[in-house]
Amino acid sequence: MAEIIRGKGVISGIAMGKIMLAGQNLDGYLVNYKPEDKATEKQKAKDALTAVAEILRESIEKLKSKDMKEQAAIMEAHRMMVQDPMMADNIMAKIEELGNAPQGVLKAAEEQAVMFEQME
């Protein structure tokens, strides 16, 4: 039986397909997360942004090789957001404020989503 899972959409439309739930419940992860010093937390976020950008680059190349240009363009937009210096600066500011890499990334992403929601 299908299960409905809701995410934070930033564009209108409906998507249907297979989904993979990775790891554990995010709330449980956040509750149990033990932050280190702010410099270490900031480095964790920088490393994560670099890793995600590389994963997206590899996905884009695979999509292009399969002549899936529209899908590659969507992934490229995601890669551009991950590599946006303003987004990275906002993440670092949130980590400075919250002292926690996962919370900093989530807060910055929520702010970015609100900005996209306000666009026409």
PDB file of N, CA and C in Angstrom:
ATOM      1  N   MET A   1       0.844  -1.178   0.000  1.00  0.00           N
ATOM      2  CA  MET A   1       0.000   0.000   0.000  1.00  0.00           C
ATOM      3  C   MET A   1       0.885   1.236   0.000  1.00  0.00           C
ATOM      4  N   ALA A   2       0.479   2.229  -0.771  1.00  0.00           N
ATOM      5  CA  ALA A   2       1.242   3.463  -0.885  1.00  0.00           C
ATOM      6  C   ALA A   2       1.114   4.288   0.392  1.00  0.00           C
ATOM      7  N   GLU A   3       2.192   4.923   0.743  1.00  0.00           N
ATOM      8  CA  GLU A   3       2.215   5.811   1.897  1.00  0.00           C
ATOM      9  C   GLU A   3       2.437   7.226   1.387  1.00  0.00           C
ATOM     10  N   ILE A   4       1.688   8.178   1.891  1.00  0.00           N
ATOM     11  CA  ILE A   4       1.863   9.564   1.483  1.00  0.00           C
ATOM     12  C   ILE A   4       2.929  10.190   2.360  1.00  0.00           C
ATOM     13  N   ILE A   5       3.930  10.758   1.709  1.00  0.00           N
ATOM     14  CA  ILE A   5       5.012  11.437   2.406  1.00  0.00           C
ATOM     15  C   ILE A   5       5.056  12.854   1.872  1.00  0.00           C
ATOM     16  N   ARG A   6       4.982  13.812   2.750  1.00  0.00           N
ATOM     17  CA  ARG A   6       4.976  15.216   2.336  1.00  0.00           C
ATOM     18  C   ARG A   6       6.342  15.842   2.594  1.00  0.00           C
ATOM     19  N   GLY A   7       6.771  16.616   1.649  1.00  0.00           N
ATOM     20  CA  GLY A   7       8.022  17.342   1.779  1.00  0.00           C
ATOM     21  C   GLY A   7       7.756  18.825   1.692  1.00  0.00           C
ATOM     22  N   LYS A   8       8.789  19.576   1.579  1.00  0.00           N
ATOM     23  CA  LYS A   8       8.688  21.028   1.460  1.00  0.00           C
ATOM     24  C   LYS A   8       8.833  21.356  -0.012  1.00  0.00           C
ATOM     25  N   GLY A   9       7.707  21.574  -0.689  1.00  0.00           N
ATOM     26  CA  GLY A   9       7.736  21.888  -2.107  1.00  0.00           C
ATOM     27  C   GLY A   9       8.012  23.356  -2.348  1.00  0.00           C
ATOM     28  N   VAL A  10       8.776  23.646  -3.377  1.00  0.00           N
ATOM     29  CA  VAL A  10       9.035  25.038  -3.722  1.00  0.00           C
ATOM     30  C   VAL A  10       8.499  25.386  -5.106  1.00  0.00           C
ATOM     31  N   ILE A  11       7.997  24.389  -5.822  1.00  0.00           N
ATOM     32  CA  ILE A  11       7.318  24.638  -7.082  1.00  0.00           C
ATOM     33  C   ILE A  11       6.036  23.819  -7.083  1.00  0.00           C
ATOM     34  N   SER A  12       5.065  24.285  -7.837  1.00  0.00           N
ATOM     35  CA  SER A  12       3.795  23.573  -7.863  1.00  0.00           C
ATOM     36  C   SER A  12       3.907  22.326  -8.727  1.00  0.00           C
ATOM     37  N   GLY A  13       3.012  21.383  -8.495  1.00  0.00           N
ATOM     38  CA  GLY A  13       2.992  20.162  -9.284  1.00  0.00           C
ATOM     39  C   GLY A  13       2.898  18.937  -8.402  1.00  0.00           C
ATOM     40  N   ILE A  14       2.820  17.815  -9.044  1.00  0.00           N
ATOM     41  CA  ILE A  14       2.715  16.538  -8.347  1.00  0.00           C
ATOM     42  C   ILE A  14       3.817  15.639  -8.870  1.00  0.00           C
ATOM     43  N   ALA A  15       4.438  14.920  -7.973  1.00  0.00           N
ATOM     44  CA  ALA A  15       5.460  13.954  -8.371  1.00  0.00           C
ATOM     45  C   ALA A  15       5.051  12.592  -7.847  1.00  0.00           C
ATOM     46  N   MET A  16       5.223  11.586  -8.684  1.00  0.00           N
ATOM     47  CA  MET A  16       4.920  10.226  -8.268  1.00  0.00           C
ATOM     48  C   MET A  16       6.089   9.353  -8.670  1.00  0.00           C
ATOM     49  N   GLY A  17       6.434   8.445  -7.805  1.00  0.00           N
ATOM     50  CA  GLY A  17       7.531   7.551  -8.124  1.00  0.00           C
ATOM     51  C   GLY A  17       8.015   6.842  -6.890  1.00  0.00           C
ATOM     52  N   LYS A  18       9.085   6.108  -7.049  1.00  0.00           N
ATOM     53  CA  LYS A  18       9.659   5.396  -5.922  1.00  0.00           C
ATOM     54  C   LYS A  18      10.417   6.377  -5.047  1.00  0.00           C
ATOM     55  N   ILE A  19      10.384   6.122  -3.764  1.00  0.00           N
ATOM     56  CA  ILE A  19      11.099   6.961  -2.818  1.00  0.00           C
ATOM     57  C   ILE A  19      11.908   6.069  -1.894  1.00  0.00           C
ATOM     58  N   MET A  20      13.034   6.579  -1.498  1.00  0.00           N
ATOM     59  CA  MET A  20      13.857   5.849  -0.559  1.00  0.00           C
ATOM     60  C   MET A  20      14.019   6.716   0.679  1.00  0.00           C
ATOM     61  N   LEU A  21      13.652   6.197   1.821  1.00  0.00           N
ATOM     62  CA  LEU A  21      13.869   6.902   3.069  1.00  0.00           C
ATOM     63  C   LEU A  21      15.267   6.541   3.549  1.00  0.00           C
ATOM     64  N   ALA A  22      16.113   7.536   3.605  1.00  0.00           N
ATOM     65  CA  ALA A  22      17.504   7.292   3.962  1.00  0.00           C
ATOM     66  C   ALA A  22      17.707   7.389   5.463  1.00  0.00           C
ATOM     67  N   GLY A  23      18.444   6.455   5.994  1.00  0.00           N
ATOM     68  CA  GLY A  23      18.845   6.535   7.384  1.00  0.00           C
ATOM     69  C   GLY A  23      17.697   6.502   8.361  1.00  0.00           C
ATOM     70  N   GLN A  24      17.778   7.391   9.300  1.00  0.00           N
ATOM     71  CA  GLN A  24      16.820   7.399  10.393  1.00  0.00           C
ATOM     72  C   GLN A  24      15.944   8.644  10.326  1.00  0.00           C
ATOM     73  N   ASN A  25      15.007   8.700  11.213  1.00  0.00           N
ATOM     74  CA  ASN A  25      14.133   9.853  11.328  1.00  0.00           C
ATOM     75  C   ASN A  25      14.993  11.074  11.630  1.00  0.00           C
ATOM     76  N   LEU A  26      14.794  12.154  10.888  1.00  0.00           N
ATOM     77  CA  LEU A  26      15.612  13.353  11.057  1.00  0.00           C
ATOM     78  C   LEU A  26      15.452  13.945  12.450  1.00  0.00           C
ATOM     79  N   ASP A  27      14.224  13.970  12.970  1.00  0.00           N
ATOM     80  CA  ASP A  27      14.007  14.512  14.306  1.00  0.00           C
ATOM     81  C   ASP A  27      14.809  13.735  15.347  1.00  0.00           C
ATOM     82  N   GLY A  28      14.806  12.416  15.236  1.00  0.00           N
ATOM     83  CA  GLY A  28      15.579  11.588  16.159  1.00  0.00           C
ATOM     84  C   GLY A  28      17.064  11.860  16.042  1.00  0.00           C
ATOM     85  N   TYR A  29      17.512  12.058  14.817  1.00  0.00           N
ATOM     86  CA  TYR A  29      18.927  12.363  14.592  1.00  0.00           C
ATOM     87  C   TYR A  29      19.297  13.688  15.253  1.00  0.00           C
ATOM     88  N   LEU A  30      18.444  14.694  15.046  1.00  0.00           N
ATOM     89  CA  LEU A  30      18.735  16.025  15.586  1.00  0.00           C
ATOM     90  C   LEU A  30      18.737  16.037  17.109  1.00  0.00           C
ATOM     91  N   VAL A  31      17.824  15.294  17.713  1.00  0.00           N
ATOM     92  CA  VAL A  31      17.754  15.235  19.172  1.00  0.00           C
ATOM     93  C   VAL A  31      19.027  14.616  19.736  1.00  0.00           C
ATOM     94  N   ASN A  32      19.554  13.614  19.056  1.00  0.00           N
ATOM     95  CA  ASN A  32      20.732  12.896  19.549  1.00  0.00           C
ATOM     96  C   ASN A  32      22.063  13.483  19.071  1.00  0.00           C
ATOM     97  N   TYR A  33      22.005  14.508  18.219  1.00  0.00           N
ATOM     98  CA  TYR A  33      23.231  15.094  17.662  1.00  0.00           C
ATOM     99  C   TYR A  33      23.990  15.854  18.745  1.00  0.00           C
ATOM    100  N   LYS A  34      25.266  15.581  18.854  1.00  0.00           N
ATOM    101  CA  LYS A  34      26.132  16.246  19.832  1.00  0.00           C
ATOM    102  C   LYS A  34      27.095  17.164  19.081  1.00  0.00           C
ATOM    103  N   PRO A  35      26.804  18.462  19.054  1.00  0.00           N
ATOM    104  CA  PRO A  35      27.675  19.376  18.312  1.00  0.00           C
ATOM    105  C   PRO A  35      29.047  19.527  18.965  1.00  0.00           C
ATOM    106  N   GLU A  36      30.008  19.803  18.111  1.00  0.00           N
ATOM    107  CA  GLU A  36      31.360  20.082  18.593  1.00  0.00           C
ATOM    108  C   GLU A  36      31.537  21.603  18.606  1.00  0.00           C
ATOM    109  N   ASP A  37      32.753  22.082  18.628  1.00  0.00           N
ATOM    110  CA  ASP A  37      32.974  23.527  18.630  1.00  0.00           C
ATOM    111  C   ASP A  37      32.514  24.115  17.285  1.00  0.00           C
ATOM    112  N   LYS A  38      32.264  25.408  17.262  1.00  0.00           N
ATOM    113  CA  LYS A  38      31.697  26.055  16.071  1.00  0.00           C
ATOM    114  C   LYS A  38      32.578  25.898  14.840  1.00  0.00           C
ATOM    115  N   ALA A  39      33.883  25.968  15.014  1.00  0.00           N
ATOM    116  CA  ALA A  39      34.786  25.801  13.868  1.00  0.00           C
ATOM    117  C   ALA A  39      34.629  24.412  13.254  1.00  0.00           C
ATOM    118  N   THR A  40      34.521  23.402  14.081  1.00  0.00           N
ATOM    119  CA  THR A  40      34.339  22.032  13.592  1.00  0.00           C
ATOM    120  C   THR A  40      32.978  21.883  12.918  1.00  0.00           C
ATOM    121  N   GLU A  41      31.953  22.472  13.512  1.00  0.00           N
ATOM    122  CA  GLU A  41      30.612  22.406  12.926  1.00  0.00           C
ATOM    123  C   GLU A  41      30.589  23.096  11.552  1.00  0.00           C
ATOM    124  N   LYS A  42      31.261  24.228  11.448  1.00  0.00           N
ATOM    125  CA  LYS A  42      31.321  24.937  10.160  1.00  0.00           C
ATOM    126  C   LYS A  42      32.064  24.094   9.119  1.00  0.00           C
ATOM    127  N   GLN A  43      33.133  23.436   9.539  1.00  0.00           N
ATOM    128  CA  GLN A  43      33.877  22.582   8.608  1.00  0.00           C
ATOM    129  C   GLN A  43      33.035  21.399   8.159  1.00  0.00           C
ATOM    130  N   LYS A  44      32.244  20.840   9.066  1.00  0.00           N
ATOM    131  CA  LYS A  44      31.336  19.747   8.688  1.00  0.00           C
ATOM    132  C   LYS A  44      30.372  20.211   7.601  1.00  0.00           C
ATOM    133  N   ALA A  45      29.828  21.410   7.759  1.00  0.00           N
ATOM    134  CA  ALA A  45      28.893  21.936   6.765  1.00  0.00           C
ATOM    135  C   ALA A  45      29.592  22.174   5.430  1.00  0.00           C
ATOM    136  N   LYS A  46      30.797  22.745   5.468  1.00  0.00           N
ATOM    137  CA  LYS A  46      31.554  22.979   4.229  1.00  0.00           C
ATOM    138  C   LYS A  46      31.838  21.653   3.523  1.00  0.00           C
ATOM    139  N   ASP A  47      32.256  20.659   4.291  1.00  0.00           N
ATOM    140  CA  ASP A  47      32.540  19.343   3.710  1.00  0.00           C
ATOM    141  C   ASP A  47      31.284  18.729   3.104  1.00  0.00           C
ATOM    142  N   ALA A  48      30.161  18.896   3.790  1.00  0.00           N
ATOM    143  CA  ALA A  48      28.895  18.350   3.287  1.00  0.00           C
ATOM    144  C   ALA A  48      28.486  19.044   1.989  1.00  0.00           C
ATOM    145  N   LEU A  49      28.624  20.365   1.932  1.00  0.00           N
ATOM    146  CA  LEU A  49      28.272  21.100   0.706  1.00  0.00           C
ATOM    147  C   LEU A  49      29.145  20.646  -0.459  1.00  0.00           C
ATOM    148  N   THR A  50      30.423  20.446  -0.201  1.00  0.00           N
ATOM    149  CA  THR A  50      31.342  19.975  -1.243  1.00  0.00           C
ATOM    150  C   THR A  50      30.947  18.583  -1.720  1.00  0.00           C
ATOM    151  N   ALA A  51      30.635  17.701  -0.778  1.00  0.00           N
ATOM    152  CA  ALA A  51      30.252  16.328  -1.131  1.00  0.00           C
ATOM    153  C   ALA A  51      28.955  16.300  -1.922  1.00  0.00           C
ATOM    154  N   VAL A  52      27.980  17.087  -1.505  1.00  0.00           N
ATOM    155  CA  VAL A  52      26.697  17.120  -2.216  1.00  0.00           C
ATOM    156  C   VAL A  52      26.883  17.671  -3.626  1.00  0.00           C
ATOM    157  N   ALA A  53      27.674  18.716  -3.763  1.00  0.00           N
ATOM    158  CA  ALA A  53      27.923  19.283  -5.094  1.00  0.00           C
ATOM    159  C   ALA A  53      28.552  18.238  -6.015  1.00  0.00           C
ATOM    160  N   GLU A  54      29.467  17.437  -5.486  1.00  0.00           N
ATOM    161  CA  GLU A  54      30.112  16.392  -6.296  1.00  0.00           C
ATOM    162  C   GLU A  54      29.119  15.296  -6.668  1.00  0.00           C
ATOM    163  N   ILE A  55      28.299  14.888  -5.728  1.00  0.00           N
ATOM    164  CA  ILE A  55      27.278  13.872  -6.024  1.00  0.00           C
ATOM    165  C   ILE A  55      26.323  14.382  -7.098  1.00  0.00           C
ATOM    166  N   LEU A  56      25.914  15.640  -6.969  1.00  0.00           N
ATOM    167  CA  LEU A  56      25.021  16.220  -7.979  1.00  0.00           C
ATOM    168  C   LEU A  56      25.707  16.300  -9.343  1.00  0.00           C
ATOM    169  N   ARG A  57      26.996  16.682  -9.357  1.00  0.00           N
ATOM    170  CA  ARG A  57      27.736  16.754 -10.629  1.00  0.00           C
ATOM    171  C   ARG A  57      27.759  15.394 -11.309  1.00  0.00           C
ATOM    172  N   GLU A  58      28.010  14.349 -10.530  1.00  0.00           N
ATOM    173  CA  GLU A  58      28.027  12.998 -11.091  1.00  0.00           C
ATOM    174  C   GLU A  58      26.641  12.609 -11.615  1.00  0.00           C
ATOM    175  N   SER A  59      25.607  12.958 -10.883  1.00  0.00           N
ATOM    176  CA  SER A  59      24.233  12.656 -11.324  1.00  0.00           C
ATOM    177  C   SER A  59      23.903  13.394 -12.614  1.00  0.00           C
ATOM    178  N   ILE A  60      24.336  14.640 -12.708  1.00  0.00           N
ATOM    179  CA  ILE A  60      24.091  15.441 -13.915  1.00  0.00           C
ATOM    180  C   ILE A  60      24.751  14.791 -15.116  1.00  0.00           C
ATOM    181  N   GLU A  61      25.991  14.366 -14.943  1.00  0.00           N
ATOM    182  CA  GLU A  61      26.708  13.714 -16.048  1.00  0.00           C
ATOM    183  C   GLU A  61      25.999  12.432 -16.486  1.00  0.00           C
ATOM    184  N   LYS A  62      25.530  11.636 -15.528  1.00  0.00           N
ATOM    185  CA  LYS A  62      24.812  10.407 -15.863  1.00  0.00           C
ATOM    186  C   LYS A  62      23.522  10.717 -16.611  1.00  0.00           C
ATOM    187  N   LEU A  63      22.799  11.723 -16.151  1.00  0.00           N
ATOM    188  CA  LEU A  63      21.543  12.099 -16.817  1.00  0.00           C
ATOM    189  C   LEU A  63      21.806  12.589 -18.235  1.00  0.00           C
ATOM    190  N   LYS A  64      22.837  13.386 -18.405  1.00  0.00           N
ATOM    191  CA  LYS A  64      23.181  13.877 -19.742  1.00  0.00           C
ATOM    192  C   LYS A  64      23.565  12.720 -20.662  1.00  0.00           C
ATOM    193  N   SER A  65      24.294  11.744 -20.124  1.00  0.00           N
ATOM    194  CA  SER A  65      24.708  10.605 -20.945  1.00  0.00           C
ATOM    195  C   SER A  65      23.520   9.759 -21.381  1.00  0.00           C
ATOM    196  N   LYS A  66      22.425   9.841 -20.640  1.00  0.00           N
ATOM    197  CA  LYS A  66      21.193   9.120 -20.977  1.00  0.00           C
ATOM    198  C   LYS A  66      20.221  10.015 -21.748  1.00  0.00           C
ATOM    199  N   ASP A  67      20.717  11.182 -22.188  1.00  0.00           N
ATOM    200  CA  ASP A  67      19.918  12.149 -22.946  1.00  0.00           C
ATOM    201  C   ASP A  67      18.674  12.600 -22.160  1.00  0.00           C
ATOM    202  N   MET A  68      18.840  12.758 -20.865  1.00  0.00           N
ATOM    203  CA  MET A  68      17.765  13.234 -19.994  1.00  0.00           C
ATOM    204  C   MET A  68      18.072  14.692 -19.637  1.00  0.00           C
ATOM    205  N   LYS A  69      17.954  15.555 -20.636  1.00  0.00           N
ATOM    206  CA  LYS A  69      18.388  16.946 -20.498  1.00  0.00           C
ATOM    207  C   LYS A  69      17.565  17.741 -19.484  1.00  0.00           C
ATOM    208  N   GLU A  70      16.259  17.549 -19.466  1.00  0.00           N
ATOM    209  CA  GLU A  70      15.423  18.286 -18.518  1.00  0.00           C
ATOM    210  C   GLU A  70      15.768  17.906 -17.081  1.00  0.00           C
ATOM    211  N   GLN A  71      15.921  16.627 -16.829  1.00  0.00           N
ATOM    212  CA  GLN A  71      16.264  16.167 -15.491  1.00  0.00           C
ATOM    213  C   GLN A  71      17.649  16.689 -15.082  1.00  0.00           C
ATOM    214  N   ALA A  72      18.577  16.691 -16.041  1.00  0.00           N
ATOM    215  CA  ALA A  72      19.924  17.208 -15.771  1.00  0.00           C
ATOM    216  C   ALA A  72      19.862  18.696 -15.423  1.00  0.00           C
ATOM    217  N   ALA A  73      19.007  19.432 -16.107  1.00  0.00           N
ATOM    218  CA  ALA A  73      18.873  20.868 -15.836  1.00  0.00           C
ATOM    219  C   ALA A  73      18.324  21.116 -14.429  1.00  0.00           C
ATOM    220  N   ILE A  74      17.391  20.293 -14.003  1.00  0.00           N
ATOM    221  CA  ILE A  74      16.851  20.422 -12.645  1.00  0.00           C
ATOM    222  C   ILE A  74      17.946  20.153 -11.619  1.00  0.00           C
ATOM    223  N   MET A  75      18.711  19.102 -11.847  1.00  0.00           N
ATOM    224  CA  MET A  75      19.793  18.770 -10.925  1.00  0.00           C
ATOM    225  C   MET A  75      20.870  19.865 -10.937  1.00  0.00           C
ATOM    226  N   GLU A  76      21.090  20.465 -12.091  1.00  0.00           N
ATOM    227  CA  GLU A  76      22.058  21.560 -12.195  1.00  0.00           C
ATOM    228  C   GLU A  76      21.602  22.758 -11.355  1.00  0.00           C
ATOM    229  N   ALA A  77      20.305  23.024 -11.351  1.00  0.00           N
ATOM    230  CA  ALA A  77      19.778  24.108 -10.513  1.00  0.00           C
ATOM    231  C   ALA A  77      20.031  23.803  -9.036  1.00  0.00           C
ATOM    232  N   HIS A  78      19.863  22.552  -8.651  1.00  0.00           N
ATOM    233  CA  HIS A  78      20.152  22.160  -7.276  1.00  0.00           C
ATOM    234  C   HIS A  78      21.639  22.334  -6.964  1.00  0.00           C
ATOM    235  N   ARG A  79      22.469  21.937  -7.893  1.00  0.00           N
ATOM    236  CA  ARG A  79      23.916  22.072  -7.687  1.00  0.00           C
ATOM    237  C   ARG A  79      24.304  23.541  -7.530  1.00  0.00           C
ATOM    238  N   MET A  80      23.675  24.399  -8.319  1.00  0.00           N
ATOM    239  CA  MET A  80      23.971  25.829  -8.225  1.00  0.00           C
ATOM    240  C   MET A  80      23.574  26.383  -6.852  1.00  0.00           C
ATOM    241  N   MET A  81      22.453  25.903  -6.312  1.00  0.00           N
ATOM    242  CA  MET A  81      22.045  26.355  -4.975  1.00  0.00           C
ATOM    243  C   MET A  81      23.046  25.895  -3.925  1.00  0.00           C
ATOM    244  N   VAL A  82      23.500  24.654  -4.049  1.00  0.00           N
ATOM    245  CA  VAL A  82      24.467  24.114  -3.082  1.00  0.00           C
ATOM    246  C   VAL A  82      25.773  24.902  -3.141  1.00  0.00           C
ATOM    247  N   GLN A  83      26.138  25.376  -4.318  1.00  0.00           N
ATOM    248  CA  GLN A  83      27.396  26.090  -4.482  1.00  0.00           C
ATOM    249  C   GLN A  83      27.247  27.611  -4.384  1.00  0.00           C
ATOM    250  N   ASP A  84      26.059  28.096  -4.077  1.00  0.00           N
ATOM    251  CA  ASP A  84      25.809  29.527  -3.961  1.00  0.00           C
ATOM    252  C   ASP A  84      26.553  30.082  -2.740  1.00  0.00           C
ATOM    253  N   PRO A  85      27.471  31.031  -2.946  1.00  0.00           N
ATOM    254  CA  PRO A  85      28.213  31.590  -1.805  1.00  0.00           C
ATOM    255  C   PRO A  85      27.300  32.249  -0.765  1.00  0.00           C
ATOM    256  N   MET A  86      26.202  32.845  -1.205  1.00  0.00           N
ATOM    257  CA  MET A  86      25.283  33.473  -0.246  1.00  0.00           C
ATOM    258  C   MET A  86      24.627  32.414   0.638  1.00  0.00           C
ATOM    259  N   MET A  87      24.297  31.265   0.056  1.00  0.00           N
ATOM    260  CA  MET A  87      23.717  30.178   0.840  1.00  0.00           C
ATOM    261  C   MET A  87      24.746  29.663   1.845  1.00  0.00           C
ATOM    262  N   ALA A  88      25.972  29.475   1.398  1.00  0.00           N
ATOM    263  CA  ALA A  88      27.034  29.005   2.288  1.00  0.00           C
ATOM    264  C   ALA A  88      27.268  30.003   3.423  1.00  0.00           C
ATOM    265  N   ASP A  89      27.276  31.293   3.088  1.00  0.00           N
ATOM    266  CA  ASP A  89      27.458  32.316   4.124  1.00  0.00           C
ATOM    267  C   ASP A  89      26.315  32.281   5.136  1.00  0.00           C
ATOM    268  N   ASN A  90      25.088  32.081   4.642  1.00  0.00           N
ATOM    269  CA  ASN A  90      23.937  32.013   5.538  1.00  0.00           C
ATOM    270  C   ASN A  90      24.042  30.785   6.449  1.00  0.00           C
ATOM    271  N   ILE A  91      24.469  29.668   5.895  1.00  0.00           N
ATOM    272  CA  ILE A  91      24.660  28.459   6.707  1.00  0.00           C
ATOM    273  C   ILE A  91      25.688  28.719   7.796  1.00  0.00           C
ATOM    274  N   MET A  92      26.802  29.362   7.433  1.00  0.00           N
ATOM    275  CA  MET A  92      27.841  29.648   8.426  1.00  0.00           C
ATOM    276  C   MET A  92      27.318  30.593   9.509  1.00  0.00           C
ATOM    277  N   ALA A  93      26.508  31.574   9.124  1.00  0.00           N
ATOM    278  CA  ALA A  93      25.926  32.494  10.102  1.00  0.00           C
ATOM    279  C   ALA A  93      24.980  31.759  11.049  1.00  0.00           C
ATOM    280  N   LYS A  94      24.207  30.828  10.502  1.00  0.00           N
ATOM    281  CA  LYS A  94      23.285  30.055  11.332  1.00  0.00           C
ATOM    282  C   LYS A  94      24.046  29.138  12.288  1.00  0.00           C
ATOM    283  N   ILE A  95      25.140  28.567  11.819  1.00  0.00           N
ATOM    284  CA  ILE A  95      25.950  27.724  12.701  1.00  0.00           C
ATOM    285  C   ILE A  95      26.564  28.584  13.803  1.00  0.00           C
ATOM    286  N   GLU A  96      27.014  29.766  13.457  1.00  0.00           N
ATOM    287  CA  GLU A  96      27.561  30.684  14.462  1.00  0.00           C
ATOM    288  C   GLU A  96      26.498  31.000  15.516  1.00  0.00           C
ATOM    289  N   GLU A  97      25.271  31.191  15.062  1.00  0.00           N
ATOM    290  CA  GLU A  97      24.161  31.511  15.968  1.00  0.00           C
ATOM    291  C   GLU A  97      23.728  30.305  16.798  1.00  0.00           C
ATOM    292  N   LEU A  98      23.594  29.140  16.138  1.00  0.00           N
ATOM    293  CA  LEU A  98      23.022  27.958  16.780  1.00  0.00           C
ATOM    294  C   LEU A  98      24.054  26.987  17.335  1.00  0.00           C
ATOM    295  N   GLY A  99      25.296  27.079  16.833  1.00  0.00           N
ATOM    296  CA  GLY A  99      26.351  26.182  17.295  1.00  0.00           C
ATOM    297  C   GLY A  99      26.195  24.745  16.856  1.00  0.00           C
ATOM    298  N   ASN A 100      25.484  24.533  15.741  1.00  0.00           N
ATOM    299  CA  ASN A 100      25.094  23.178  15.355  1.00  0.00           C
ATOM    300  C   ASN A 100      24.983  23.119  13.837  1.00  0.00           C
ATOM    301  N   ALA A 101      25.793  22.283  13.175  1.00  0.00           N
ATOM    302  CA  ALA A 101      25.792  22.211  11.715  1.00  0.00           C
ATOM    303  C   ALA A 101      24.448  21.766  11.135  1.00  0.00           C
ATOM    304  N   PRO A 102      23.866  20.650  11.580  1.00  0.00           N
ATOM    305  CA  PRO A 102      22.587  20.237  10.987  1.00  0.00           C
ATOM    306  C   PRO A 102      21.482  21.286  11.163  1.00  0.00           C
ATOM    307  N   GLN A 103      21.403  21.874  12.340  1.00  0.00           N
ATOM    308  CA  GLN A 103      20.374  22.896  12.572  1.00  0.00           C
ATOM    309  C   GLN A 103      20.650  24.134  11.717  1.00  0.00           C
ATOM    310  N   GLY A 104      21.916  24.496  11.573  1.00  0.00           N
ATOM    311  CA  GLY A 104      22.274  25.645  10.740  1.00  0.00           C
ATOM    312  C   GLY A 104      21.898  25.440   9.293  1.00  0.00           C
ATOM    313  N   VAL A 105      22.182  24.239   8.780  1.00  0.00           N
ATOM    314  CA  VAL A 105      21.829  23.930   7.391  1.00  0.00           C
ATOM    315  C   VAL A 105      20.309  23.941   7.213  1.00  0.00           C
ATOM    316  N   LEU A 106      19.597  23.328   8.138  1.00  0.00           N
ATOM    317  CA  LEU A 106      18.134  23.290   8.038  1.00  0.00           C
ATOM    318  C   LEU A 106      17.522  24.684   8.097  1.00  0.00           C
ATOM    319  N   LYS A 107      18.003  25.523   9.008  1.00  0.00           N
ATOM    320  CA  LYS A 107      17.463  26.875   9.148  1.00  0.00           C
ATOM    321  C   LYS A 107      17.730  27.681   7.882  1.00  0.00           C
ATOM    322  N   ALA A 108      18.929  27.588   7.343  1.00  0.00           N
ATOM    323  CA  ALA A 108      19.258  28.310   6.109  1.00  0.00           C
ATOM    324  C   ALA A 108      18.416  27.795   4.943  1.00  0.00           C
ATOM    325  N   ALA A 109      18.205  26.485   4.872  1.00  0.00           N
ATOM    326  CA  ALA A 109      17.387  25.897   3.805  1.00  0.00           C
ATOM    327  C   ALA A 109      15.930  26.339   3.929  1.00  0.00           C
ATOM    328  N   GLU A 110      15.429  26.417   5.158  1.00  0.00           N
ATOM    329  CA  GLU A 110      14.051  26.882   5.372  1.00  0.00           C
ATOM    330  C   GLU A 110      13.899  28.319   4.883  1.00  0.00           C
ATOM    331  N   GLU A 111      14.872  29.159   5.185  1.00  0.00           N
ATOM    332  CA  GLU A 111      14.833  30.548   4.726  1.00  0.00           C
ATOM    333  C   GLU A 111      14.870  30.616   3.200  1.00  0.00           C
ATOM    334  N   GLN A 112      15.680  29.780   2.584  1.00  0.00           N
ATOM    335  CA  GLN A 112      15.766  29.729   1.120  1.00  0.00           C
ATOM    336  C   GLN A 112      14.429  29.281   0.539  1.00  0.00           C
ATOM    337  N   ALA A 113      13.806  28.293   1.145  1.00  0.00           N
ATOM    338  CA  ALA A 113      12.506  27.799   0.668  1.00  0.00           C
ATOM    339  C   ALA A 113      11.444  28.887   0.757  1.00  0.00           C
ATOM    340  N   VAL A 114      11.445  29.648   1.848  1.00  0.00           N
ATOM    341  CA  VAL A 114      10.478  30.751   1.995  1.00  0.00           C
ATOM    342  C   VAL A 114      10.679  31.763   0.874  1.00  0.00           C
ATOM    343  N   MET A 115      11.941  32.056   0.561  1.00  0.00           N
ATOM    344  CA  MET A 115      12.227  32.999  -0.514  1.00  0.00           C
ATOM    345  C   MET A 115      11.670  32.481  -1.855  1.00  0.00           C
ATOM    346  N   PHE A 116      11.876  31.188  -2.126  1.00  0.00           N
ATOM    347  CA  PHE A 116      11.362  30.612  -3.367  1.00  0.00           C
ATOM    348  C   PHE A 116       9.829  30.599  -3.382  1.00  0.00           C
ATOM    349  N   GLU A 117       9.220  30.334  -2.249  1.00  0.00           N
ATOM    350  CA  GLU A 117       7.763  30.313  -2.170  1.00  0.00           C
ATOM    351  C   GLU A 117       7.169  31.664  -2.496  1.00  0.00           C
ATOM    352  N   GLN A 118       7.892  32.737  -2.222  1.00  0.00           N
ATOM    353  CA  GLN A 118       7.396  34.086  -2.459  1.00  0.00           C
ATOM    354  C   GLN A 118       7.579  34.529  -3.906  1.00  0.00           C
ATOM    355  N   MET A 119       8.330  33.773  -4.683  1.00  0.00           N
ATOM    356  CA  MET A 119       8.517  34.091  -6.102  1.00  0.00           C
ATOM    357  C   MET A 119       7.297  33.667  -6.902  1.00  0.00           C
ATOM    358  N   GLU A 120       7.095  34.364  -7.994  1.00  0.00           N
ATOM    359  CA  GLU A 120       5.993  33.977  -8.879  1.00  0.00           C
ATOM    360  C   GLU A 120       6.442  32.901  -9.824  1.00  0.00           C
TER     361      GLU A 120
END
